[in-house]
Amino acid sequence: MTDTPRQIPVTQLPDNAAVTCSTCAACCCQLEVMLITDTGVPERFIETDDWGGSVMARLDDGWCAALDRDTMLCTIYENRPLICREFEMGEADCLEERRGIAGAYERGMA
């Protein structure tokens, strides 16, 4: 039986909105995540990339396989990769990803 990826609803992300747990939208969960340290990520969430490196698995929809699609929260938060731990909510990189994903939604609807 093949799991069909669920569509994640598009949420407009205002440029000036404060980023909180309730307004996060998990934009960073569409980025490629290289595993460079052992944090205890379960094997079922690890894939090997084209160059032989370990990366977080992503489903056909492009979102991280460890992301709960109902809550938009990480299902392995306590064991998340180092880069996820360092990617701070509301910081410059986070805000840049939010702007980028909003642009992707606009392009996809054109």
C-alpha atoms as a PDB file:
ATOM      1  CA  MET A   1       0.000   0.000   0.000  1.00  0.00           C
ATOM      2  CA  THR A   2       1.408   3.373  -1.019  1.00  0.00           C
ATOM      3  CA  ASP A   3       0.867   6.389   1.181  1.00  0.00           C
ATOM      4  CA  THR A   4      -0.382   9.350  -0.798  1.00  0.00           C
ATOM      5  CA  PRO A   5       1.138  12.575   0.507  1.00  0.00           C
ATOM      6  CA  ARG A   6      -1.395  14.934   1.983  1.00  0.00           C
ATOM      7  CA  GLN A   7      -1.574  18.418   0.586  1.00  0.00           C
ATOM      8  CA  ILE A   8      -0.481  20.985   3.139  1.00  0.00           C
ATOM      9  CA  PRO A   9      -2.770  24.025   3.089  1.00  0.00           C
ATOM     10  CA  VAL A  10      -1.230  27.253   1.860  1.00  0.00           C
ATOM     11  CA  THR A  11      -1.061  29.945   4.495  1.00  0.00           C
ATOM     12  CA  GLN A  12      -0.326  33.540   3.595  1.00  0.00           C
ATOM     13  CA  LEU A  13       2.659  34.637   5.646  1.00  0.00           C
ATOM     14  CA  PRO A  14       2.626  38.373   6.384  1.00  0.00           C
ATOM     15  CA  ASP A  15       6.063  39.966   6.118  1.00  0.00           C
ATOM     16  CA  ASN A  16       5.735  41.798   9.427  1.00  0.00           C
ATOM     17  CA  ALA A  17       4.166  39.025  11.523  1.00  0.00           C
ATOM     18  CA  ALA A  18       6.114  37.833  14.545  1.00  0.00           C
ATOM     19  CA  VAL A  19       7.171  34.221  14.200  1.00  0.00           C
ATOM     20  CA  THR A  20       5.937  32.107  17.087  1.00  0.00           C
ATOM     21  CA  CYS A  21       5.213  28.423  17.536  1.00  0.00           C
ATOM     22  CA  SER A  22       1.643  29.051  16.403  1.00  0.00           C
ATOM     23  CA  THR A  23       2.649  31.046  13.283  1.00  0.00           C
ATOM     24  CA  CYS A  24       5.766  29.084  12.312  1.00  0.00           C
ATOM     25  CA  ALA A  25       4.472  27.322   9.134  1.00  0.00           C
ATOM     26  CA  ALA A  26       7.552  25.029   9.227  1.00  0.00           C
ATOM     27  CA  CYS A  27       9.098  26.618   6.117  1.00  0.00           C
ATOM     28  CA  CYS A  28      12.526  25.241   7.017  1.00  0.00           C
ATOM     29  CA  CYS A  29      11.096  21.722   6.809  1.00  0.00           C
ATOM     30  CA  GLN A  30      11.374  21.896   3.026  1.00  0.00           C
ATOM     31  CA  LEU A  31      15.142  22.465   3.101  1.00  0.00           C
ATOM     32  CA  GLU A  32      17.681  19.700   2.505  1.00  0.00           C
ATOM     33  CA  VAL A  33      19.075  18.683   5.890  1.00  0.00           C
ATOM     34  CA  MET A  34      22.494  17.057   5.976  1.00  0.00           C
ATOM     35  CA  LEU A  35      23.205  14.902   9.005  1.00  0.00           C
ATOM     36  CA  ILE A  36      26.674  15.855  10.197  1.00  0.00           C
ATOM     37  CA  THR A  37      26.415  14.724  13.824  1.00  0.00           C
ATOM     38  CA  ASP A  38      24.654  11.859  15.571  1.00  0.00           C
ATOM     39  CA  THR A  39      21.622  13.207  17.419  1.00  0.00           C
ATOM     40  CA  GLY A  40      19.657   9.968  17.407  1.00  0.00           C
ATOM     41  CA  VAL A  41      17.551  10.553  14.275  1.00  0.00           C
ATOM     42  CA  PRO A  42      15.655   7.283  13.710  1.00  0.00           C
ATOM     43  CA  GLU A  43      16.946   5.320  10.687  1.00  0.00           C
ATOM     44  CA  ARG A  44      13.537   5.472   8.958  1.00  0.00           C
ATOM     45  CA  PHE A  45      14.051   9.228   8.505  1.00  0.00           C
ATOM     46  CA  ILE A  46      17.567   8.957   7.019  1.00  0.00           C
ATOM     47  CA  GLU A  47      18.393   8.691   3.312  1.00  0.00           C
ATOM     48  CA  THR A  48      21.635   8.775   1.355  1.00  0.00           C
ATOM     49  CA  ASP A  49      22.028  11.610  -1.143  1.00  0.00           C
ATOM     50  CA  ASP A  50      23.618  11.365  -4.598  1.00  0.00           C
ATOM     51  CA  TRP A  51      27.073  12.042  -3.110  1.00  0.00           C
ATOM     52  CA  GLY A  52      26.854   9.414  -0.374  1.00  0.00           C
ATOM     53  CA  GLY A  53      25.981  11.779   2.479  1.00  0.00           C
ATOM     54  CA  SER A  54      23.296  11.155   5.066  1.00  0.00           C
ATOM     55  CA  VAL A  55      20.301  13.484   4.814  1.00  0.00           C
ATOM     56  CA  MET A  56      16.854  13.724   6.327  1.00  0.00           C
ATOM     57  CA  ALA A  57      14.295  11.895   4.208  1.00  0.00           C
ATOM     58  CA  ARG A  58      11.729  13.997   2.397  1.00  0.00           C
ATOM     59  CA  LEU A  59       8.441  12.763   1.034  1.00  0.00           C
ATOM     60  CA  ASP A  60       7.204  13.276  -2.520  1.00  0.00           C
ATOM     61  CA  ASP A  61       5.683  16.615  -1.533  1.00  0.00           C
ATOM     62  CA  GLY A  62       9.137  17.963  -0.580  1.00  0.00           C
ATOM     63  CA  TRP A  63       8.468  18.239   3.158  1.00  0.00           C
ATOM     64  CA  CYS A  64      10.622  16.507   5.766  1.00  0.00           C
ATOM     65  CA  ALA A  65       9.416  12.977   6.512  1.00  0.00           C
ATOM     66  CA  ALA A  66       9.599  13.710  10.263  1.00  0.00           C
ATOM     67  CA  LEU A  67       7.093  16.584  10.012  1.00  0.00           C
ATOM     68  CA  ASP A  68       3.614  15.830  11.363  1.00  0.00           C
ATOM     69  CA  ARG A  69       1.332  17.184   8.629  1.00  0.00           C
ATOM     70  CA  ASP A  70      -1.578  17.753  11.022  1.00  0.00           C
ATOM     71  CA  THR A  71       0.268  19.824  13.620  1.00  0.00           C
ATOM     72  CA  MET A  72       3.223  21.025  11.489  1.00  0.00           C
ATOM     73  CA  LEU A  73       5.476  20.015  14.389  1.00  0.00           C
ATOM     74  CA  CYS A  74       8.575  17.829  14.316  1.00  0.00           C
ATOM     75  CA  THR A  75       7.879  14.270  15.413  1.00  0.00           C
ATOM     76  CA  ILE A  76      11.528  13.763  16.443  1.00  0.00           C
ATOM     77  CA  TYR A  77      12.105  17.149  18.070  1.00  0.00           C
ATOM     78  CA  GLU A  78      14.265  15.789  20.903  1.00  0.00           C
ATOM     79  CA  ASN A  79      16.419  13.938  18.339  1.00  0.00           C
ATOM     80  CA  ARG A  80      16.339  16.495  15.514  1.00  0.00           C
ATOM     81  CA  PRO A  81      19.516  17.101  13.483  1.00  0.00           C
ATOM     82  CA  LEU A  82      22.066  19.704  14.532  1.00  0.00           C
ATOM     83  CA  ILE A  83      21.177  22.067  11.672  1.00  0.00           C
ATOM     84  CA  CYS A  84      17.539  22.024  12.791  1.00  0.00           C
ATOM     85  CA  ARG A  85      18.653  22.888  16.320  1.00  0.00           C
ATOM     86  CA  GLU A  86      20.697  25.830  15.029  1.00  0.00           C
ATOM     87  CA  PHE A  87      18.022  27.176  12.661  1.00  0.00           C
ATOM     88  CA  GLU A  88      16.328  29.549  15.068  1.00  0.00           C
ATOM     89  CA  MET A  89      12.707  30.515  14.694  1.00  0.00           C
ATOM     90  CA  GLY A  90      12.296  34.186  13.797  1.00  0.00           C
ATOM     91  CA  GLU A  91      15.984  34.763  13.000  1.00  0.00           C
ATOM     92  CA  ALA A  92      17.234  36.088   9.626  1.00  0.00           C
ATOM     93  CA  ASP A  93      17.477  32.659   7.925  1.00  0.00           C
ATOM     94  CA  CYS A  94      13.997  31.747   9.110  1.00  0.00           C
ATOM     95  CA  LEU A  95      12.491  34.993   7.826  1.00  0.00           C
ATOM     96  CA  GLU A  96      14.252  34.533   4.473  1.00  0.00           C
ATOM     97  CA  GLU A  97      12.757  31.050   4.084  1.00  0.00           C
ATOM     98  CA  ARG A  98       9.301  32.413   4.928  1.00  0.00           C
ATOM     99  CA  ARG A  99       9.654  35.007   2.164  1.00  0.00           C
ATOM    100  CA  GLY A 100      10.893  32.340  -0.242  1.00  0.00           C
ATOM    101  CA  ILE A 101       8.060  29.927   0.414  1.00  0.00           C
ATOM    102  CA  ALA A 102       5.468  32.683  -0.005  1.00  0.00           C
ATOM    103  CA  GLY A 103       7.001  33.391  -3.430  1.00  0.00           C
ATOM    104  CA  ALA A 104       6.839  29.688  -4.310  1.00  0.00           C
ATOM    105  CA  TYR A 105       3.127  29.667  -3.529  1.00  0.00           C
ATOM    106  CA  GLU A 106       2.601  32.671  -5.796  1.00  0.00           C
ATOM    107  CA  ARG A 107       4.557  31.026  -8.665  1.00  0.00           C
ATOM    108  CA  GLY A 108       2.660  27.772  -8.216  1.00  0.00           C
ATOM    109  CA  MET A 109      -0.691  29.519  -8.516  1.00  0.00           C
ATOM    110  CA  ALA A 110       0.268  31.442 -11.688  1.00  0.00           C
END
